[in-house]
Amino acid sequence: MNFPNSRWSLVQENSGDGKMAKKTKVYIGADHAGFALKEHIKKFLQQRKISLWDCGNTGFDPDDDYPDYAYAVAKEVAAHNVFGILVCGSAEGMSIAANKVKGVRAVVVHDVREARLTRKHNNANVLCLSGWRLPVANAQRIISIWLATPFSAEERHRRRINKIRKIERQEL
């Protein structure tokens, strides 16, 4: 896949600090409004020995467009059954664009409660964060909780995910 203005970087897999899932793989992307936070997130994940693929942007470009990075990350998440993290100004645009890809369940998260619930109840696979509103420390806490929280697989949550898949088969 050809990623606009991207550089692939890989951190070798490791069990890390034990708090995040073993063999966690994360694709990450951001536009200009999320670029600074994305760079902090990359360092945070690398320190925890999380495998990381940076789908761009690899440099600050005030004229870039969030759908390019949302699509690049979402395609990889859907193809490889891994996690994605997207950052733009509000996080909303990234979520809208990523959710156009079949198999992606992108969510905008503002706090650790939402992080936990979107994984536990919705089996979210792409985390969208606001580069305008979210301090680095809060983003790190959200990411830690989000990556460590498993899908509950309760019948009611499986049923709802299956209904989403049915909609995807009909509409996408």
N, C-alpha and C. Protein backbone atom coordinates (compact mmCIF):
# COMPACT_ATOMS: atom_id res chain seq x y z
N MET A 1 0.85 -1.18 0.00
CA MET A 1 0.00 0.00 0.00
C MET A 1 0.89 1.23 0.00
N ASN A 2 0.49 2.24 -0.74
CA ASN A 2 1.24 3.48 -0.83
C ASN A 2 0.64 4.50 0.12
N PHE A 3 1.39 4.94 1.11
CA PHE A 3 0.91 5.90 2.09
C PHE A 3 1.46 7.27 1.75
N PRO A 4 0.61 8.29 1.73
CA PRO A 4 1.10 9.64 1.45
C PRO A 4 1.99 10.13 2.59
N ASN A 5 3.16 10.65 2.22
CA ASN A 5 4.07 11.25 3.21
C ASN A 5 4.28 10.36 4.44
N SER A 6 4.50 9.09 4.22
CA SER A 6 4.62 8.20 5.37
C SER A 6 6.00 7.55 5.43
N ARG A 7 6.34 7.09 6.60
CA ARG A 7 7.56 6.34 6.83
C ARG A 7 7.18 5.19 7.74
N TRP A 8 7.52 4.01 7.34
CA TRP A 8 7.24 2.84 8.17
C TRP A 8 8.32 2.74 9.23
N SER A 9 7.90 2.61 10.45
CA SER A 9 8.86 2.34 11.52
C SER A 9 8.33 1.18 12.33
N LEU A 10 9.20 0.27 12.65
CA LEU A 10 8.79 -0.92 13.38
C LEU A 10 9.59 -1.02 14.65
N VAL A 11 8.90 -1.22 15.73
CA VAL A 11 9.53 -1.52 17.00
C VAL A 11 9.30 -3.00 17.23
N GLN A 12 10.33 -3.73 17.53
CA GLN A 12 10.20 -5.17 17.71
C GLN A 12 9.19 -5.51 18.80
N GLU A 13 8.42 -6.56 18.55
CA GLU A 13 7.42 -6.98 19.52
C GLU A 13 8.07 -7.48 20.79
N ASN A 14 7.39 -7.22 21.87
CA ASN A 14 7.86 -7.64 23.18
C ASN A 14 6.62 -7.67 24.06
N SER A 15 6.69 -8.41 25.13
CA SER A 15 5.53 -8.45 26.02
C SER A 15 5.36 -7.13 26.77
N GLY A 16 6.36 -6.26 26.72
CA GLY A 16 6.24 -4.93 27.32
C GLY A 16 6.10 -4.97 28.82
N ASP A 17 5.30 -4.06 29.34
CA ASP A 17 5.16 -3.95 30.79
C ASP A 17 4.10 -4.90 31.34
N GLY A 18 3.52 -5.73 30.51
CA GLY A 18 2.53 -6.70 30.97
C GLY A 18 1.13 -6.14 31.09
N LYS A 19 1.00 -4.84 31.00
CA LYS A 19 -0.32 -4.23 31.13
C LYS A 19 -1.04 -4.16 29.81
N MET A 20 -0.30 -4.15 28.71
CA MET A 20 -0.92 -4.13 27.40
C MET A 20 -0.87 -5.54 26.82
N ALA A 21 -1.78 -5.81 25.93
CA ALA A 21 -1.88 -7.14 25.36
C ALA A 21 -0.56 -7.55 24.71
N LYS A 22 -0.20 -8.82 24.86
CA LYS A 22 0.99 -9.33 24.22
C LYS A 22 0.80 -9.32 22.71
N LYS A 23 1.89 -9.08 22.00
CA LYS A 23 1.91 -9.03 20.54
C LYS A 23 0.94 -7.98 19.99
N THR A 24 0.75 -6.91 20.73
CA THR A 24 -0.08 -5.81 20.25
C THR A 24 0.63 -5.13 19.09
N LYS A 25 -0.12 -4.92 18.02
CA LYS A 25 0.40 -4.19 16.86
C LYS A 25 -0.49 -2.99 16.64
N VAL A 26 0.13 -1.85 16.37
CA VAL A 26 -0.62 -0.61 16.22
C VAL A 26 -0.17 0.11 14.96
N TYR A 27 -1.14 0.48 14.12
CA TYR A 27 -0.91 1.39 13.01
C TYR A 27 -1.34 2.77 13.50
N ILE A 28 -0.56 3.79 13.19
CA ILE A 28 -0.86 5.13 13.69
C ILE A 28 -0.78 6.13 12.55
N GLY A 29 -1.64 7.15 12.63
CA GLY A 29 -1.62 8.20 11.62
C GLY A 29 -2.18 9.49 12.18
N ALA A 30 -1.77 10.60 11.59
CA ALA A 30 -2.26 11.91 12.02
C ALA A 30 -2.09 12.93 10.92
N ASP A 31 -2.97 13.91 10.93
CA ASP A 31 -2.80 15.06 10.06
C ASP A 31 -2.05 16.14 10.82
N HIS A 32 -1.99 17.35 10.25
CA HIS A 32 -1.24 18.44 10.87
C HIS A 32 -1.75 18.79 12.27
N ALA A 33 -3.06 18.71 12.48
CA ALA A 33 -3.62 19.08 13.79
C ALA A 33 -3.34 18.03 14.86
N GLY A 34 -2.99 16.83 14.46
CA GLY A 34 -2.69 15.77 15.41
C GLY A 34 -1.24 15.35 15.41
N PHE A 35 -0.44 15.99 14.56
CA PHE A 35 0.94 15.54 14.38
C PHE A 35 1.76 15.56 15.67
N ALA A 36 1.71 16.63 16.41
CA ALA A 36 2.52 16.73 17.64
C ALA A 36 2.14 15.64 18.64
N LEU A 37 0.84 15.43 18.85
CA LEU A 37 0.40 14.39 19.78
C LEU A 37 0.79 13.01 19.27
N LYS A 38 0.68 12.79 17.96
CA LYS A 38 1.08 11.49 17.39
C LYS A 38 2.53 11.19 17.70
N GLU A 39 3.40 12.17 17.59
CA GLU A 39 4.82 11.94 17.85
C GLU A 39 5.05 11.57 19.31
N HIS A 40 4.31 12.17 20.23
CA HIS A 40 4.40 11.78 21.65
C HIS A 40 3.89 10.35 21.85
N ILE A 41 2.80 10.02 21.18
CA ILE A 41 2.22 8.68 21.28
C ILE A 41 3.20 7.63 20.76
N LYS A 42 3.87 7.92 19.66
CA LYS A 42 4.85 6.98 19.12
C LYS A 42 5.93 6.67 20.15
N LYS A 43 6.47 7.70 20.79
CA LYS A 43 7.50 7.49 21.81
C LYS A 43 6.96 6.66 22.97
N PHE A 44 5.74 6.97 23.37
CA PHE A 44 5.08 6.23 24.47
C PHE A 44 4.95 4.75 24.12
N LEU A 45 4.49 4.45 22.92
CA LEU A 45 4.32 3.05 22.50
C LEU A 45 5.67 2.35 22.34
N GLN A 46 6.65 3.06 21.80
CA GLN A 46 7.98 2.48 21.63
C GLN A 46 8.60 2.13 22.98
N GLN A 47 8.41 2.99 23.98
CA GLN A 47 8.93 2.72 25.31
C GLN A 47 8.32 1.45 25.90
N ARG A 48 7.11 1.13 25.48
CA ARG A 48 6.42 -0.07 25.96
C ARG A 48 6.59 -1.27 25.04
N LYS A 49 7.48 -1.13 24.06
CA LYS A 49 7.83 -2.22 23.14
C LYS A 49 6.62 -2.70 22.34
N ILE A 50 5.75 -1.77 21.96
CA ILE A 50 4.60 -2.08 21.13
C ILE A 50 5.01 -1.95 19.67
N SER A 51 4.71 -2.95 18.85
CA SER A 51 4.99 -2.87 17.42
C SER A 51 4.20 -1.72 16.83
N LEU A 52 4.88 -0.87 16.07
CA LEU A 52 4.29 0.37 15.61
C LEU A 52 4.59 0.61 14.14
N TRP A 53 3.56 0.90 13.38
CA TRP A 53 3.70 1.29 11.99
C TRP A 53 3.13 2.69 11.84
N ASP A 54 3.97 3.62 11.41
CA ASP A 54 3.55 5.00 11.23
C ASP A 54 3.12 5.20 9.78
N CYS A 55 1.83 5.41 9.58
CA CYS A 55 1.27 5.60 8.24
C CYS A 55 1.25 7.08 7.83
N GLY A 56 1.87 7.93 8.62
CA GLY A 56 1.98 9.33 8.26
C GLY A 56 1.02 10.21 9.02
N ASN A 57 1.16 11.39 8.84
CA ASN A 57 2.18 12.10 8.13
C ASN A 57 3.48 12.06 8.94
N THR A 58 4.61 12.03 8.23
CA THR A 58 5.90 11.94 8.92
C THR A 58 6.53 13.30 9.18
N GLY A 59 5.89 14.33 8.69
CA GLY A 59 6.35 15.70 8.95
C GLY A 59 5.14 16.61 9.02
N PHE A 60 5.30 17.71 9.70
CA PHE A 60 4.20 18.66 9.82
C PHE A 60 3.92 19.30 8.46
N ASP A 61 2.70 19.18 7.99
CA ASP A 61 2.27 19.75 6.71
C ASP A 61 0.90 20.37 6.92
N PRO A 62 0.83 21.69 7.01
CA PRO A 62 -0.46 22.34 7.30
C PRO A 62 -1.50 22.16 6.21
N ASP A 63 -1.09 21.64 5.05
CA ASP A 63 -2.02 21.45 3.94
C ASP A 63 -2.44 19.99 3.74
N ASP A 64 -2.05 19.10 4.64
CA ASP A 64 -2.44 17.70 4.47
C ASP A 64 -3.91 17.49 4.82
N ASP A 65 -4.42 16.31 4.51
CA ASP A 65 -5.85 16.01 4.68
C ASP A 65 -6.04 14.73 5.49
N TYR A 66 -6.82 14.82 6.57
CA TYR A 66 -7.01 13.69 7.47
C TYR A 66 -7.56 12.43 6.81
N PRO A 67 -8.43 12.50 5.78
CA PRO A 67 -8.93 11.25 5.21
C PRO A 67 -7.81 10.34 4.66
N ASP A 68 -6.71 10.93 4.18
CA ASP A 68 -5.60 10.12 3.66
C ASP A 68 -5.04 9.19 4.73
N TYR A 69 -4.86 9.71 5.92
CA TYR A 69 -4.25 8.93 7.01
C TYR A 69 -5.28 8.01 7.66
N ALA A 70 -6.50 8.47 7.75
CA ALA A 70 -7.57 7.61 8.28
C ALA A 70 -7.73 6.37 7.41
N TYR A 71 -7.75 6.57 6.12
CA TYR A 71 -7.91 5.44 5.20
C TYR A 71 -6.71 4.50 5.26
N ALA A 72 -5.50 5.06 5.28
CA ALA A 72 -4.30 4.22 5.33
C ALA A 72 -4.30 3.33 6.57
N VAL A 73 -4.60 3.89 7.71
CA VAL A 73 -4.63 3.13 8.96
C VAL A 73 -5.79 2.14 8.96
N ALA A 74 -6.97 2.59 8.58
CA ALA A 74 -8.16 1.73 8.61
C ALA A 74 -7.99 0.51 7.71
N LYS A 75 -7.43 0.68 6.52
CA LYS A 75 -7.22 -0.46 5.61
C LYS A 75 -6.32 -1.51 6.25
N GLU A 76 -5.27 -1.08 6.92
CA GLU A 76 -4.34 -2.02 7.56
C GLU A 76 -4.99 -2.71 8.75
N VAL A 77 -5.75 -1.97 9.53
CA VAL A 77 -6.45 -2.55 10.68
C VAL A 77 -7.41 -3.64 10.20
N ALA A 78 -8.19 -3.34 9.18
CA ALA A 78 -9.15 -4.31 8.66
C ALA A 78 -8.46 -5.52 8.03
N ALA A 79 -7.36 -5.30 7.36
CA ALA A 79 -6.66 -6.39 6.67
C ALA A 79 -5.90 -7.30 7.62
N HIS A 80 -5.40 -6.76 8.72
CA HIS A 80 -4.49 -7.53 9.58
C HIS A 80 -5.02 -7.78 10.99
N ASN A 81 -6.25 -7.36 11.27
CA ASN A 81 -6.86 -7.58 12.58
C ASN A 81 -5.95 -7.06 13.70
N VAL A 82 -5.56 -5.81 13.57
CA VAL A 82 -4.71 -5.15 14.55
C VAL A 82 -5.40 -3.87 15.03
N PHE A 83 -4.72 -3.09 15.84
CA PHE A 83 -5.27 -1.84 16.33
C PHE A 83 -4.76 -0.65 15.52
N GLY A 84 -5.54 0.43 15.54
CA GLY A 84 -5.13 1.67 14.93
C GLY A 84 -5.36 2.83 15.89
N ILE A 85 -4.52 3.84 15.76
CA ILE A 85 -4.69 5.08 16.52
C ILE A 85 -4.58 6.22 15.52
N LEU A 86 -5.59 7.09 15.52
CA LEU A 86 -5.62 8.25 14.62
C LEU A 86 -5.76 9.52 15.44
N VAL A 87 -5.08 10.57 15.00
CA VAL A 87 -5.15 11.85 15.70
C VAL A 87 -5.35 12.96 14.68
N CYS A 88 -6.37 13.76 14.91
CA CYS A 88 -6.58 14.99 14.14
C CYS A 88 -7.06 16.05 15.11
N GLY A 89 -7.51 17.18 14.64
CA GLY A 89 -7.93 18.25 15.53
C GLY A 89 -8.98 17.82 16.52
N SER A 90 -10.14 17.44 16.02
CA SER A 90 -11.27 17.07 16.90
C SER A 90 -11.37 15.57 17.13
N ALA A 91 -10.76 14.77 16.28
CA ALA A 91 -10.86 13.30 16.24
C ALA A 91 -12.08 12.84 15.47
N GLU A 92 -13.03 13.70 15.27
CA GLU A 92 -14.29 13.32 14.61
C GLU A 92 -14.09 13.00 13.13
N GLY A 93 -13.34 13.83 12.43
CA GLY A 93 -13.12 13.59 11.01
C GLY A 93 -12.43 12.27 10.75
N MET A 94 -11.41 11.98 11.55
CA MET A 94 -10.70 10.70 11.41
C MET A 94 -11.66 9.53 11.62
N SER A 95 -12.52 9.65 12.63
CA SER A 95 -13.47 8.59 12.93
C SER A 95 -14.43 8.38 11.77
N ILE A 96 -14.96 9.46 11.24
CA ILE A 96 -15.89 9.36 10.11
C ILE A 96 -15.23 8.66 8.93
N ALA A 97 -14.03 9.10 8.58
CA ALA A 97 -13.34 8.52 7.43
C ALA A 97 -12.97 7.05 7.66
N ALA A 98 -12.43 6.73 8.83
CA ALA A 98 -12.01 5.35 9.12
C ALA A 98 -13.19 4.39 9.12
N ASN A 99 -14.33 4.85 9.58
CA ASN A 99 -15.51 3.98 9.65
C ASN A 99 -16.11 3.67 8.28
N LYS A 100 -15.58 4.25 7.23
CA LYS A 100 -16.02 3.91 5.87
C LYS A 100 -15.40 2.60 5.39
N VAL A 101 -14.40 2.11 6.12
CA VAL A 101 -13.72 0.87 5.75
C VAL A 101 -14.39 -0.30 6.45
N LYS A 102 -14.80 -1.28 5.67
CA LYS A 102 -15.47 -2.47 6.21
C LYS A 102 -14.59 -3.16 7.25
N GLY A 103 -15.19 -3.44 8.41
CA GLY A 103 -14.48 -4.13 9.48
C GLY A 103 -13.87 -3.21 10.51
N VAL A 104 -13.92 -1.92 10.25
CA VAL A 104 -13.34 -0.95 11.19
C VAL A 104 -14.44 -0.44 12.11
N ARG A 105 -14.09 -0.38 13.40
CA ARG A 105 -14.96 0.21 14.41
C ARG A 105 -14.14 1.29 15.12
N ALA A 106 -14.14 2.47 14.49
CA ALA A 106 -13.37 3.61 15.00
C ALA A 106 -14.21 4.40 15.98
N VAL A 107 -13.58 4.81 17.07
CA VAL A 107 -14.28 5.55 18.12
C VAL A 107 -13.48 6.77 18.55
N VAL A 108 -14.21 7.82 18.86
CA VAL A 108 -13.61 9.02 19.45
C VAL A 108 -13.69 8.86 20.96
N VAL A 109 -12.55 8.99 21.62
CA VAL A 109 -12.49 8.77 23.06
C VAL A 109 -11.87 10.00 23.72
N HIS A 110 -12.53 10.44 24.82
CA HIS A 110 -12.06 11.62 25.55
C HIS A 110 -11.53 11.30 26.94
N ASP A 111 -11.83 10.10 27.46
CA ASP A 111 -11.40 9.77 28.83
C ASP A 111 -11.24 8.26 28.98
N VAL A 112 -10.71 7.83 30.13
CA VAL A 112 -10.43 6.40 30.33
C VAL A 112 -11.70 5.56 30.42
N ARG A 113 -12.79 6.12 30.92
CA ARG A 113 -14.05 5.37 30.97
C ARG A 113 -14.51 5.01 29.56
N GLU A 114 -14.49 5.98 28.68
CA GLU A 114 -14.87 5.72 27.29
C GLU A 114 -13.89 4.73 26.65
N ALA A 115 -12.61 4.85 26.97
CA ALA A 115 -11.61 3.92 26.42
C ALA A 115 -11.96 2.48 26.80
N ARG A 116 -12.25 2.28 28.06
CA ARG A 116 -12.57 0.94 28.56
C ARG A 116 -13.86 0.41 27.91
N LEU A 117 -14.89 1.23 27.90
CA LEU A 117 -16.19 0.78 27.38
C LEU A 117 -16.19 0.53 25.88
N THR A 118 -15.45 1.34 25.12
CA THR A 118 -15.44 1.14 23.67
C THR A 118 -14.73 -0.16 23.28
N ARG A 119 -13.79 -0.59 24.09
CA ARG A 119 -13.15 -1.89 23.83
C ARG A 119 -14.03 -3.02 24.38
N LYS A 120 -14.49 -2.87 25.61
CA LYS A 120 -15.24 -3.93 26.27
C LYS A 120 -16.59 -4.21 25.61
N HIS A 121 -17.31 -3.16 25.26
CA HIS A 121 -18.66 -3.32 24.71
C HIS A 121 -18.72 -3.30 23.19
N ASN A 122 -17.86 -2.51 22.55
CA ASN A 122 -17.96 -2.30 21.10
C ASN A 122 -16.86 -3.00 20.31
N ASN A 123 -15.89 -3.57 21.00
CA ASN A 123 -14.74 -4.19 20.35
C ASN A 123 -14.12 -3.24 19.33
N ALA A 124 -13.99 -1.98 19.73
CA ALA A 124 -13.40 -0.97 18.86
C ALA A 124 -11.98 -1.36 18.48
N ASN A 125 -11.61 -1.09 17.23
CA ASN A 125 -10.27 -1.44 16.78
C ASN A 125 -9.46 -0.23 16.30
N VAL A 126 -10.09 0.94 16.25
CA VAL A 126 -9.37 2.17 15.92
C VAL A 126 -9.75 3.23 16.95
N LEU A 127 -8.74 3.78 17.59
CA LEU A 127 -8.91 4.82 18.60
C LEU A 127 -8.61 6.17 17.96
N CYS A 128 -9.56 7.10 18.05
CA CYS A 128 -9.38 8.44 17.49
C CYS A 128 -9.28 9.46 18.63
N LEU A 129 -8.23 10.25 18.58
CA LEU A 129 -7.95 11.20 19.65
C LEU A 129 -7.85 12.62 19.10
N SER A 130 -8.18 13.58 19.96
CA SER A 130 -8.15 14.99 19.59
C SER A 130 -6.79 15.61 19.86
N GLY A 131 -6.17 16.11 18.82
CA GLY A 131 -4.90 16.82 18.98
C GLY A 131 -5.09 18.20 19.56
N TRP A 132 -6.30 18.74 19.50
CA TRP A 132 -6.57 20.06 20.05
C TRP A 132 -6.87 20.03 21.54
N ARG A 133 -7.55 18.99 22.00
CA ARG A 133 -8.10 19.00 23.36
C ARG A 133 -7.38 18.11 24.36
N LEU A 134 -6.61 17.15 23.89
CA LEU A 134 -6.13 16.09 24.78
C LEU A 134 -4.67 16.28 25.17
N PRO A 135 -4.39 16.52 26.45
CA PRO A 135 -3.00 16.59 26.91
C PRO A 135 -2.31 15.23 26.74
N VAL A 136 -1.02 15.26 26.56
CA VAL A 136 -0.24 14.04 26.33
C VAL A 136 -0.47 13.00 27.43
N ALA A 137 -0.42 13.39 28.67
CA ALA A 137 -0.59 12.44 29.78
C ALA A 137 -1.97 11.76 29.72
N ASN A 138 -2.99 12.51 29.39
CA ASN A 138 -4.33 11.91 29.27
C ASN A 138 -4.37 10.93 28.10
N ALA A 139 -3.76 11.31 27.00
CA ALA A 139 -3.72 10.41 25.84
C ALA A 139 -3.02 9.11 26.19
N GLN A 140 -1.94 9.19 26.93
CA GLN A 140 -1.21 7.99 27.33
C GLN A 140 -2.06 7.08 28.22
N ARG A 141 -2.78 7.67 29.16
CA ARG A 141 -3.67 6.86 30.02
C ARG A 141 -4.77 6.21 29.20
N ILE A 142 -5.37 6.96 28.31
CA ILE A 142 -6.43 6.43 27.45
C ILE A 142 -5.91 5.27 26.62
N ILE A 143 -4.76 5.46 26.00
CA ILE A 143 -4.18 4.40 25.15
C ILE A 143 -3.87 3.16 25.97
N SER A 144 -3.29 3.33 27.14
CA SER A 144 -2.96 2.18 27.99
C SER A 144 -4.21 1.37 28.33
N ILE A 145 -5.25 2.05 28.74
CA ILE A 145 -6.51 1.37 29.08
C ILE A 145 -7.12 0.73 27.85
N TRP A 146 -7.16 1.46 26.76
CA TRP A 146 -7.79 0.98 25.53
C TRP A 146 -7.10 -0.28 25.01
N LEU A 147 -5.79 -0.27 24.97
CA LEU A 147 -5.06 -1.45 24.48
C LEU A 147 -5.14 -2.64 25.44
N ALA A 148 -5.27 -2.38 26.71
CA ALA A 148 -5.29 -3.46 27.70
C ALA A 148 -6.67 -4.07 27.92
N THR A 149 -7.72 -3.39 27.47
CA THR A 149 -9.08 -3.86 27.74
C THR A 149 -9.54 -4.83 26.67
N PRO A 150 -9.88 -6.05 27.04
CA PRO A 150 -10.38 -7.01 26.05
C PRO A 150 -11.88 -6.81 25.78
N PHE A 151 -12.31 -7.28 24.64
CA PHE A 151 -13.73 -7.32 24.33
C PHE A 151 -14.39 -8.31 25.29
N SER A 152 -15.53 -7.94 25.85
CA SER A 152 -16.17 -8.79 26.86
C SER A 152 -16.74 -10.07 26.26
N ALA A 153 -17.14 -10.03 25.01
CA ALA A 153 -17.73 -11.18 24.31
C ALA A 153 -19.04 -11.66 24.94
N GLU A 154 -19.65 -10.82 25.77
CA GLU A 154 -20.98 -11.16 26.28
C GLU A 154 -21.94 -11.27 25.10
N GLU A 155 -22.94 -12.08 25.26
CA GLU A 155 -23.88 -12.35 24.15
C GLU A 155 -24.46 -11.06 23.59
N ARG A 156 -24.88 -10.14 24.43
CA ARG A 156 -25.51 -8.91 23.94
C ARG A 156 -24.53 -8.07 23.11
N HIS A 157 -23.25 -8.08 23.48
CA HIS A 157 -22.26 -7.30 22.72
C HIS A 157 -21.91 -8.01 21.42
N ARG A 158 -21.80 -9.33 21.44
CA ARG A 158 -21.57 -10.10 20.20
C ARG A 158 -22.73 -9.89 19.23
N ARG A 159 -23.94 -9.92 19.75
CA ARG A 159 -25.13 -9.72 18.92
C ARG A 159 -25.08 -8.35 18.23
N ARG A 160 -24.71 -7.34 18.94
CA ARG A 160 -24.66 -5.98 18.39
C ARG A 160 -23.55 -5.84 17.35
N ILE A 161 -22.41 -6.42 17.62
CA ILE A 161 -21.32 -6.40 16.63
C ILE A 161 -21.74 -7.13 15.37
N ASN A 162 -22.44 -8.25 15.52
CA ASN A 162 -22.93 -8.97 14.35
C ASN A 162 -23.94 -8.17 13.55
N LYS A 163 -24.74 -7.36 14.21
CA LYS A 163 -25.67 -6.49 13.50
C LYS A 163 -24.92 -5.42 12.71
N ILE A 164 -23.83 -4.92 13.28
CA ILE A 164 -23.00 -3.96 12.55
C ILE A 164 -22.39 -4.63 11.32
N ARG A 165 -21.90 -5.85 11.47
CA ARG A 165 -21.33 -6.58 10.32
C ARG A 165 -22.38 -6.79 9.23
N LYS A 166 -23.62 -7.06 9.64
CA LYS A 166 -24.69 -7.24 8.65
C LYS A 166 -24.92 -5.94 7.88
N ILE A 167 -24.91 -4.83 8.58
CA ILE A 167 -25.07 -3.53 7.91
C ILE A 167 -23.90 -3.33 6.94
N GLU A 168 -22.69 -3.65 7.35
CA GLU A 168 -21.53 -3.50 6.47
C GLU A 168 -21.67 -4.33 5.20
N ARG A 169 -22.14 -5.57 5.34
CA ARG A 169 -22.32 -6.42 4.16
C ARG A 169 -23.34 -5.83 3.21
N GLN A 170 -24.36 -5.19 3.74
CA GLN A 170 -25.40 -4.63 2.89
C GLN A 170 -25.03 -3.28 2.29
N GLU A 171 -24.26 -2.49 3.03
CA GLU A 171 -24.03 -1.09 2.63
C GLU A 171 -22.63 -0.81 2.10
N LEU A 172 -21.65 -1.57 2.50
CA LEU A 172 -20.28 -1.23 2.07
C LEU A 172 -19.78 -2.17 0.99
